[in-house]
C-alpha cells in the first residue's frame, strides 16, 4: 500500500469517526423527555425547564412570555429576561436600564426602574459580566455576598 492510498484510507476513517459525534451533538435533546428545549431563540437545557415537570426545582423555572413574537424567556416569575443558557453553565440575562437625568431649565427625567437582580442560588461570574455607568455626578454599585 502506497503513501497516497494510506492517506486516503486514514481520511475516510477520520470522517467516519468524526461524523457520529458531530451529528449527536447537534441532534441530541437538551431538555427532559417530552419537554420543550427551545423558547423563541433561547435553548432551554435541563435542569432548566418551562413547565413544572421539566425543571429540576423552582430555582430553574423559566417563564414563557407568549405576548411577543418570538416568545421571550424570563427567569422564574421575575422581569429578568434570559437571552442564553449555555451548556457549560452560563445564564445570560438582560436587566432594565435605569436613568435619572437632570436637565437645566427642563423637567426632571427619570424612569425609576428597580434594577436589582437577585439570584440566591447561583453564583455570579466575576469575569464575564459588564457593569457600566455613564454621566456626570453619577454613581452605581454592585453588592454581593458569599454564602
Protein backbone atom coordinates (compact mmCIF):
# COMPACT_ATOMS: atom_id res chain seq x y z
CA UNK A 1 0.00 0.00 0.00
CA UNK A 2 1.49 3.32 -1.06
CA UNK A 3 1.53 6.54 0.97
CA UNK A 4 -1.31 8.04 -1.12
CA UNK A 5 -3.56 5.00 -0.55
CA UNK A 6 -2.80 5.07 3.21
CA UNK A 7 -3.62 8.78 3.34
CA UNK A 8 -6.99 8.21 1.60
CA UNK A 9 -7.88 5.37 3.99
CA UNK A 10 -6.96 7.49 7.02
CA UNK A 11 -9.01 10.41 5.69
CA UNK A 12 -12.08 8.18 5.29
CA UNK A 13 -11.56 6.77 8.77
CA UNK A 14 -11.35 10.26 10.28
CA UNK A 15 -14.55 11.33 8.52
CA UNK A 16 -16.40 8.24 9.71
CA UNK A 17 -15.19 8.66 13.30
CA UNK A 18 -15.94 12.39 13.39
CA UNK A 19 -19.43 12.20 11.87
CA UNK A 20 -21.41 10.41 14.63
CA UNK A 21 -20.16 12.66 17.44
CA UNK A 22 -20.87 15.82 15.47
CA UNK A 23 -24.28 14.51 14.47
CA UNK A 24 -25.22 13.53 18.01
CA UNK A 25 -24.12 16.91 19.39
CA UNK A 26 -26.49 18.76 17.08
CA UNK A 27 -29.49 16.42 17.31
CA UNK A 28 -29.40 15.30 20.94
CA UNK A 29 -32.22 16.70 23.06
CA UNK A 30 -31.03 19.08 25.75
CA UNK A 31 -34.27 19.05 27.74
CA UNK A 32 -36.02 16.27 29.62
CA UNK A 33 -38.08 13.84 27.55
CA UNK A 34 -41.40 15.37 26.37
CA UNK A 35 -40.25 18.90 27.35
CA UNK A 36 -39.64 21.89 25.07
CA UNK A 37 -35.95 22.58 24.56
CA UNK A 38 -36.46 26.00 22.93
CA UNK A 39 -38.36 29.13 23.81
CA UNK A 40 -38.18 31.64 21.00
CA UNK A 41 -34.48 31.95 20.19
CA UNK A 42 -33.34 30.59 23.56
CA UNK A 43 -32.34 26.95 24.06
CA UNK A 44 -33.63 25.59 27.38
CA UNK A 45 -31.36 22.76 28.59
CA UNK A 46 -32.15 20.69 31.65
CA UNK A 47 -32.04 21.43 34.64
CA UNK A 48 -33.96 24.49 33.36
CA UNK A 49 -37.46 24.00 32.03
CA UNK A 50 -40.68 25.77 31.13
CA UNK A 51 -43.20 23.59 32.95
CA UNK A 52 -43.12 22.07 36.43
CA UNK A 53 -42.30 18.55 35.27
CA UNK A 54 -39.45 19.83 33.09
CA UNK A 55 -37.18 21.71 35.51
CA UNK A 56 -35.13 20.32 38.37
CA UNK A 57 -36.71 22.58 41.00
CA UNK A 58 -38.17 26.08 41.20
CA UNK A 59 -34.68 27.64 41.03
CA UNK A 60 -34.54 26.50 37.40
CA UNK A 61 -38.01 27.59 36.35
CA UNK A 62 -38.30 29.53 33.08
CA UNK A 63 -41.41 31.62 32.40
CA UNK A 64 -42.62 31.97 28.81
CA UNK A 65 -43.88 35.39 27.70
CA UNK A 66 -46.16 34.48 24.82
CA UNK A 67 -47.23 38.07 24.13
CA UNK A 68 -44.14 38.71 21.99
CA UNK A 69 -43.03 37.12 18.74
CA UNK A 70 -40.75 35.29 19.12
CA UNK A 71 -41.72 34.29 22.65
CA UNK A 72 -39.34 35.50 25.35
CA UNK A 73 -37.88 33.58 28.29
CA UNK A 74 -37.81 35.04 31.80
CA UNK A 75 -36.22 33.74 34.97
CA UNK A 76 -38.94 32.22 37.16
CA UNK A 77 -41.69 34.80 37.72
CA UNK A 78 -39.37 37.82 37.53
CA UNK A 79 -38.79 40.56 34.97
CA UNK A 80 -35.26 39.25 34.28
CA UNK A 81 -35.16 38.24 30.62
CA UNK A 82 -33.00 35.23 29.70
CA UNK A 83 -31.12 35.57 26.42
CA UNK A 84 -28.98 32.42 26.61
CA UNK A 85 -28.46 29.31 28.71
CA UNK A 86 -25.21 27.66 27.72
CA UNK A 87 -24.41 24.02 28.26
CA UNK A 88 -21.27 25.00 30.17
CA UNK A 89 -23.19 26.68 32.99
CA UNK A 90 -23.62 30.31 31.91
CA UNK A 91 -27.00 32.01 32.21
CA UNK A 92 -27.11 35.27 30.23
CA UNK A 93 -29.79 37.78 31.22
CA UNK A 94 -30.89 41.32 30.39
CA UNK A 95 -31.72 43.85 33.03
CA UNK A 96 -33.61 47.10 32.85
CA UNK A 97 -31.58 50.24 32.29
CA UNK A 98 -32.23 52.94 34.85
CA UNK A 99 -31.77 56.60 34.13
CA UNK A 100 -32.11 59.76 36.12
CA UNK A 101 -31.43 62.93 34.15
CA UNK A 102 -31.16 66.46 35.43
CA UNK A 103 -31.59 68.98 32.66
CA UNK A 104 -31.16 72.68 33.28
CA UNK A 105 -34.44 74.61 32.88
CA UNK A 106 -36.30 71.41 31.94
CA UNK A 107 -38.30 68.86 33.90
CA UNK A 108 -36.50 66.08 35.72
CA UNK A 109 -36.42 62.90 33.60
CA UNK A 110 -36.38 59.53 35.36
CA UNK A 111 -37.77 56.05 34.81
CA UNK A 112 -37.50 54.93 38.46
CA UNK A 113 -36.79 51.33 37.45
CA UNK A 114 -35.78 48.80 40.03
CA UNK A 115 -32.56 47.41 38.61
CA UNK A 116 -31.77 44.96 41.38
CA UNK A 117 -31.15 41.37 40.36
CA UNK A 118 -31.42 38.67 43.00
CA UNK A 119 -30.00 35.22 42.38
CA UNK A 120 -29.99 33.48 45.73
CA UNK A 121 -28.98 30.07 44.44
CA UNK A 122 -26.50 30.95 41.71
CA UNK A 123 -23.02 32.38 41.74
CA UNK A 124 -22.11 35.42 39.67
CA UNK A 125 -19.28 35.11 37.17
CA UNK A 126 -16.70 37.70 38.19
CA UNK A 127 -15.04 37.85 34.75
CA UNK A 128 -17.90 37.62 32.23
CA UNK A 129 -20.12 40.45 33.47
CA UNK A 130 -20.27 44.05 32.33
CA UNK A 131 -21.45 46.81 34.61
CA UNK A 132 -21.42 50.33 33.21
CA UNK A 133 -22.42 53.74 34.48
CA UNK A 134 -22.22 56.89 32.39
CA UNK A 135 -22.81 60.51 33.36
CA UNK A 136 -21.83 63.45 35.49
CA UNK A 137 -22.39 63.26 39.23
CA UNK A 138 -23.43 59.63 38.70
CA UNK A 139 -22.84 56.65 40.91
CA UNK A 140 -23.62 52.97 40.78
CA UNK A 141 -22.61 49.98 42.80
CA UNK A 142 -22.63 46.20 42.84
CA UNK A 143 -23.38 44.43 46.07
CA UNK A 144 -22.90 40.78 46.78
CA UNK A 145 -22.08 38.31 49.47
CA UNK A 146 -20.77 34.80 49.71
CA UNK A 147 -22.64 32.05 51.45
